[in-house]
Amino acid sequence: MKKRIRRKVLRYAAVFEPDTEQGGYTVYIPALPGCISEGGTFEQALANIQEAASLYLEVMTERRERLAPSDDGVFIAPVQVTV
């Protein structure tokens, strides 16, 4: 009988910063210190940070470290300010 592995889906806020010199995006997840990636397009950066976060959390699980809580409900939006 196969053992079922229970998986859960966690959501984290990711910050995408455009690279104005080379193009593409740098992206990081504040709740996962050091979890950073990049991509030539938004879609590539998104796929890369998803993979990086998955590997990050896999290592934390193997080390039996407590996973960072999910950022459910967090919303990040640009704000215009006139000076």
Protein backbone atom coordinates (compact mmCIF):
# COMPACT_ATOMS: atom_id res chain seq x y z
CA MET A 1 0.00 0.00 0.00
CA LYS A 2 1.41 3.36 -1.00
CA LYS A 3 1.82 5.97 1.69
CA ARG A 4 -0.07 9.15 0.89
CA ILE A 5 1.93 12.31 1.18
CA ARG A 6 -0.14 15.21 2.39
CA ARG A 7 0.73 18.45 0.64
CA LYS A 8 -0.47 21.88 1.51
CA VAL A 9 -0.53 25.02 -0.53
CA LEU A 10 1.07 28.07 1.05
CA ARG A 11 0.78 31.60 -0.32
CA TYR A 12 3.50 34.20 0.03
CA ALA A 13 3.70 37.77 -1.18
CA ALA A 14 6.45 38.15 -3.79
CA VAL A 15 8.03 41.48 -4.69
CA PHE A 16 8.87 41.95 -8.37
CA GLU A 17 11.30 44.73 -9.19
CA PRO A 18 11.93 45.62 -12.85
CA ASP A 19 15.58 45.61 -13.90
CA THR A 20 15.73 48.87 -15.85
CA GLU A 21 19.26 48.24 -17.15
CA GLN A 22 19.10 44.65 -18.37
CA GLY A 23 15.34 44.10 -18.60
CA GLY A 24 13.34 41.45 -16.83
CA TYR A 25 12.63 41.25 -13.12
CA THR A 26 14.28 40.46 -9.84
CA VAL A 27 11.84 38.88 -7.39
CA TYR A 28 12.00 37.96 -3.72
CA ILE A 29 9.72 36.72 -0.96
CA PRO A 30 10.11 38.80 2.23
CA ALA A 31 8.71 36.01 4.46
CA LEU A 32 11.47 33.67 3.23
CA PRO A 33 14.79 35.45 3.89
CA GLY A 34 17.26 34.87 1.07
CA CYS A 35 14.64 33.44 -1.31
CA ILE A 36 15.35 35.48 -4.44
CA SER A 37 15.28 34.85 -8.17
CA GLU A 38 15.01 36.62 -11.50
CA GLY A 39 13.67 36.20 -15.00
CA GLY A 40 13.77 37.87 -18.39
CA THR A 41 9.98 38.28 -18.34
CA PHE A 42 7.40 38.51 -15.57
CA GLU A 43 6.24 34.97 -16.36
CA GLN A 44 9.79 33.59 -16.17
CA ALA A 45 10.45 35.43 -12.90
CA LEU A 46 7.19 34.07 -11.47
CA ALA A 47 8.03 30.48 -12.45
CA ASN A 48 11.57 30.87 -11.09
CA ILE A 49 10.47 32.26 -7.71
CA GLN A 50 7.86 29.50 -7.36
CA GLU A 51 10.60 26.91 -7.89
CA ALA A 52 13.00 28.73 -5.54
CA ALA A 53 10.34 28.95 -2.81
CA SER A 54 9.45 25.28 -3.22
CA LEU A 55 13.09 24.26 -2.80
CA TYR A 56 13.53 26.69 0.11
CA LEU A 57 10.56 25.17 1.95
CA GLU A 58 11.70 21.63 1.11
CA VAL A 59 15.03 22.28 2.82
CA MET A 60 13.27 23.81 5.83
CA THR A 61 11.05 20.72 6.06
CA GLU A 62 14.04 18.35 5.82
CA ARG A 63 15.74 20.29 8.63
CA ARG A 64 12.50 20.11 10.61
CA GLU A 65 12.41 23.90 10.82
CA ARG A 66 9.14 25.70 11.31
CA LEU A 67 7.73 26.96 8.01
CA ALA A 68 7.01 30.66 7.68
CA PRO A 69 3.28 31.30 7.98
CA SER A 70 1.36 31.84 4.77
CA ASP A 71 0.72 35.46 3.73
CA ASP A 72 -2.98 34.86 3.01
CA GLY A 73 -4.80 38.15 2.69
CA VAL A 74 -1.66 40.25 2.16
CA PHE A 75 -1.95 42.60 -0.79
CA ILE A 76 0.88 44.75 -2.11
CA ALA A 77 -0.01 47.64 -4.42
CA PRO A 78 1.83 50.64 -5.83
CA VAL A 79 0.98 53.98 -4.24
CA GLN A 80 1.41 57.29 -6.07
CA VAL A 81 2.67 60.20 -4.00
CA THR A 82 2.96 63.77 -5.29
CA VAL A 83 5.84 65.81 -3.88
